[in-house]
Protein backbone atom coordinates (compact mmCIF):
# COMPACT_ATOMS: atom_id res chain seq x y z
CA ILE A 1 0.00 0.04 -0.04
CA GLN A 2 2.90 2.35 0.82
CA ASP A 3 4.43 1.68 -2.66
CA ARG A 4 1.02 2.38 -4.28
CA LYS A 5 0.89 5.78 -2.48
CA LYS A 6 4.35 6.65 -3.56
CA LEU A 7 3.53 5.67 -7.10
CA THR A 8 0.39 7.81 -7.03
CA ASP A 9 2.42 10.76 -5.65
CA THR A 10 4.93 10.36 -8.43
CA TRP A 11 2.16 10.25 -11.08
CA ASN A 12 0.71 13.42 -9.59
CA ASP A 13 4.01 15.14 -9.70
CA HIS A 14 4.29 14.27 -13.44
CA GLY A 15 0.80 15.55 -14.39
CA VAL A 16 -1.28 12.41 -14.25
CA TYR A 17 -4.64 13.46 -12.72
CA THR A 18 -7.68 11.84 -14.41
CA GLU A 19 -9.01 8.45 -13.54
CA GLN A 20 -8.61 7.33 -17.13
CA GLU A 21 -4.88 8.10 -17.03
CA TYR A 22 -4.56 6.21 -13.69
CA ALA A 23 -6.42 3.30 -15.26
CA ILE A 24 -4.14 3.15 -18.23
CA LEU A 25 -0.97 3.30 -16.21
CA THR A 26 -2.31 0.76 -13.64
CA ASN A 27 -3.26 -1.59 -16.48
CA GLU A 28 0.26 -1.32 -17.99
CA ILE A 29 1.91 -2.03 -14.64
CA TYR A 30 -0.48 -4.98 -14.06
CA LYS A 31 0.32 -6.29 -17.62
CA GLU A 32 4.09 -6.16 -16.93
CA TRP A 33 3.60 -7.83 -13.57
CA SER A 34 1.23 -10.65 -14.45
CA GLY A 35 1.36 -10.85 -18.25
CA MET A 36 -2.35 -10.14 -18.48
CA THR A 37 -4.48 -7.00 -18.50
CA ALA A 38 -6.73 -6.28 -15.53
CA LYS A 39 -9.74 -7.11 -17.81
CA ASP A 40 -8.34 -10.53 -18.58
CA GLU A 41 -7.63 -11.23 -14.84
CA PHE A 42 -11.15 -10.15 -14.06
CA SER A 43 -12.50 -12.58 -16.60
CA ILE A 44 -10.54 -15.41 -15.01
CA MET A 45 -11.81 -14.41 -11.56
CA ARG A 46 -15.49 -14.45 -12.98
CA ILE A 47 -14.81 -17.99 -14.28
CA CYS A 48 -13.67 -19.11 -10.83
CA THR A 49 -16.69 -17.48 -9.22
CA ASP A 50 -19.01 -19.12 -11.69
CA ALA A 51 -17.34 -22.52 -11.06
CA LYS A 52 -17.91 -22.12 -7.31
CA ARG A 53 -21.49 -20.96 -7.75
CA LEU A 54 -22.63 -23.62 -10.24
CA LEU A 55 -20.36 -26.67 -9.83
CA ILE A 56 -20.12 -26.93 -6.04
CA PRO A 57 -23.93 -27.15 -5.69
CA TYR A 58 -23.99 -29.59 -8.59
CA PHE A 59 -21.48 -31.97 -6.96
CA PHE A 60 -22.98 -31.48 -3.47
CA PHE A 61 -26.51 -32.34 -4.56
CA GLY A 62 -25.25 -35.01 -6.96
CA VAL A 63 -23.42 -36.95 -4.14
CA ILE A 64 -26.61 -36.65 -2.01
CA SER A 65 -28.67 -37.90 -4.85
CA ILE A 66 -26.32 -40.87 -5.46
CA ALA A 67 -26.42 -41.73 -1.88
CA LEU A 68 -30.21 -41.65 -1.78
CA TYR A 69 -30.37 -43.51 -5.04
CA LEU A 70 -28.14 -46.29 -3.70
CA ILE A 71 -29.92 -46.41 -0.37
CA LEU A 72 -33.47 -46.51 -1.85
CA GLY A 73 -32.32 -48.90 -4.60
CA GLU A 74 -34.88 -50.52 -6.71
CA PHE A 75 -37.72 -48.55 -5.32
CA ALA A 76 -36.30 -45.29 -6.59
CA ALA A 77 -35.40 -46.92 -9.98
CA SER A 78 -38.99 -48.13 -10.47
CA MET A 79 -40.40 -44.76 -9.55
CA LEU A 80 -38.07 -43.18 -12.22
CA ASP A 81 -38.84 -45.88 -14.74
CA GLU A 82 -35.15 -46.67 -14.83
CA SER A 83 -33.07 -49.83 -14.78
CA TYR A 84 -31.36 -50.16 -11.40
CA SER A 85 -27.65 -49.78 -11.37
CA ALA A 86 -26.29 -50.27 -7.93
CA SER A 87 -22.70 -49.53 -9.07
CA LEU A 88 -21.32 -46.65 -7.10
CA TRP A 89 -18.64 -46.22 -9.73
CA ASP A 90 -21.08 -45.90 -12.59
CA ASN A 91 -23.05 -43.27 -10.68
CA ILE A 92 -19.86 -41.33 -9.89
CA GLN A 93 -18.79 -41.46 -13.59
CA GLU A 94 -22.15 -40.14 -14.61
CA LEU A 95 -21.87 -37.33 -12.07
CA LEU A 96 -18.39 -36.39 -13.33
CA TYR A 97 -19.60 -36.51 -16.87
CA GLY A 98 -22.43 -34.11 -16.11
CA GLN A 99 -25.23 -36.66 -16.56
CA CYS A 100 -26.34 -37.44 -13.03
CA ARG A 101 -28.99 -40.07 -13.63
CA SER A 102 -30.03 -40.15 -9.98
CA ASN A 103 -31.07 -36.42 -10.16
CA ARG A 104 -31.84 -35.35 -13.67
CA PRO A 105 -32.64 -31.67 -13.02
CA LEU A 106 -28.96 -31.14 -12.09
CA TRP A 107 -27.96 -31.27 -15.78
CA PHE A 108 -28.63 -27.59 -15.95
CA LEU A 109 -25.82 -26.44 -13.70
CA PRO A 110 -22.82 -28.00 -15.52
CA CYS A 111 -24.38 -27.04 -18.90
CA LEU A 112 -24.70 -23.38 -17.74
CA PHE A 113 -21.10 -23.47 -16.58
CA ALA A 114 -20.01 -24.80 -20.00
CA THR A 115 -22.01 -22.03 -21.67
CA LYS A 116 -20.41 -19.39 -19.66
CA LEU A 117 -16.95 -20.81 -20.28
CA LEU A 118 -17.63 -20.82 -23.99
CA TYR A 119 -18.85 -17.18 -23.71
CA TYR A 120 -15.73 -16.05 -21.94
CA ALA A 121 -13.53 -17.86 -24.41
CA VAL A 122 -15.32 -16.39 -27.36
CA ASN A 123 -15.33 -12.90 -25.85
CA PHE A 124 -11.65 -13.20 -25.05
CA LEU A 125 -10.62 -14.36 -28.51
CA SER A 126 -12.79 -11.91 -30.32
CA ARG A 127 -11.66 -9.10 -28.04
CA GLY A 128 -15.37 -7.94 -27.64
CA ASN A 129 -16.04 -7.87 -31.43
CA LYS A 130 -19.79 -8.39 -31.54
CA LYS A 131 -19.88 -9.45 -35.18
CA ALA A 132 -17.22 -12.14 -34.59
CA SER A 133 -19.14 -13.39 -31.46
CA ILE A 134 -22.33 -13.66 -33.51
CA LEU A 135 -20.53 -15.54 -36.24
CA VAL A 136 -19.17 -18.02 -33.63
CA ALA A 137 -22.65 -18.45 -32.25
CA VAL A 138 -24.06 -19.34 -35.66
CA VAL A 139 -21.19 -21.80 -36.19
CA CYS A 140 -21.78 -23.36 -32.84
CA SER A 141 -25.40 -23.87 -33.67
CA ILE A 142 -24.61 -25.56 -36.97
CA ILE A 143 -22.03 -27.87 -35.24
CA SER A 144 -24.58 -28.84 -32.64
CA PHE A 145 -27.26 -29.52 -35.26
CA LEU A 146 -24.82 -31.76 -37.18
CA TYR A 147 -23.72 -33.46 -34.03
CA THR A 148 -27.08 -34.25 -32.61
CA ASN A 149 -28.64 -35.29 -35.90
CA ASN A 150 -25.92 -37.90 -36.54
CA GLY A 151 -26.71 -39.91 -33.42
CA LEU A 152 -23.40 -39.23 -31.79
CA PRO A 153 -23.06 -39.86 -28.01
CA GLN A 154 -23.59 -37.10 -25.50
CA MET A 155 -20.63 -34.84 -24.77
CA PRO A 156 -19.47 -34.10 -21.16
CA LEU A 157 -21.33 -31.35 -19.43
CA SER A 158 -24.05 -31.50 -22.09
CA PHE A 159 -21.74 -29.47 -24.31
CA GLU A 160 -23.77 -30.36 -27.43
CA LEU A 161 -26.66 -28.46 -25.79
CA THR A 162 -24.28 -25.67 -24.84
CA LEU A 163 -23.39 -25.31 -28.52
CA LYS A 164 -27.06 -25.27 -29.49
CA LEU A 165 -28.06 -22.68 -26.90
CA PHE A 166 -24.94 -20.44 -27.05
CA GLY A 167 -26.55 -18.09 -29.58
CA PHE A 168 -29.45 -17.41 -27.21
CA PHE A 169 -27.04 -16.86 -24.31
CA LEU A 170 -24.98 -14.50 -26.41
CA LEU A 171 -28.08 -12.52 -27.61
CA GLY A 172 -29.04 -12.06 -23.93
CA LYS A 173 -25.62 -10.86 -23.07
CA LEU A 174 -25.48 -8.50 -26.04
CA ALA A 175 -28.98 -7.14 -25.32
CA ALA A 176 -28.14 -6.48 -21.61
CA PRO A 177 -27.42 -2.87 -20.74
């Protein structure tokens, strides 16, 4: 903090007064220090926050669902019109793959996380260019359409659905103030 105060005093002595000038200088120092701009670092922090907010509840409730599924056994399977698989390992694999059979509504959380990851990647690579982002969304929709109509297996984290819905997610982000 003391070094920051000295730096601010030095900038004031050399005619740096506006917030924009401070932001530019701070960003350059940050870039030299970490190799990334402050905006890039903020995007990574948002990804980590989204991971905590979406994946921790997914795994927490997924583990509880698997435990209940294994405890209730065939009764739960008959209520779900499913074949009963008492293999703990199979259930854990499904949970890690993003296809928790013992609690189907949980598919949304890893799918939303994958969608946000795709959005951050596209936004980073396109450097905020809206036309390039829209083009990527159209390409993602085409890839999803081709993938799902050829009977290929599901991707981890419902990524084929992420590709299909990415355009809608992007439109929502672009329309937001």
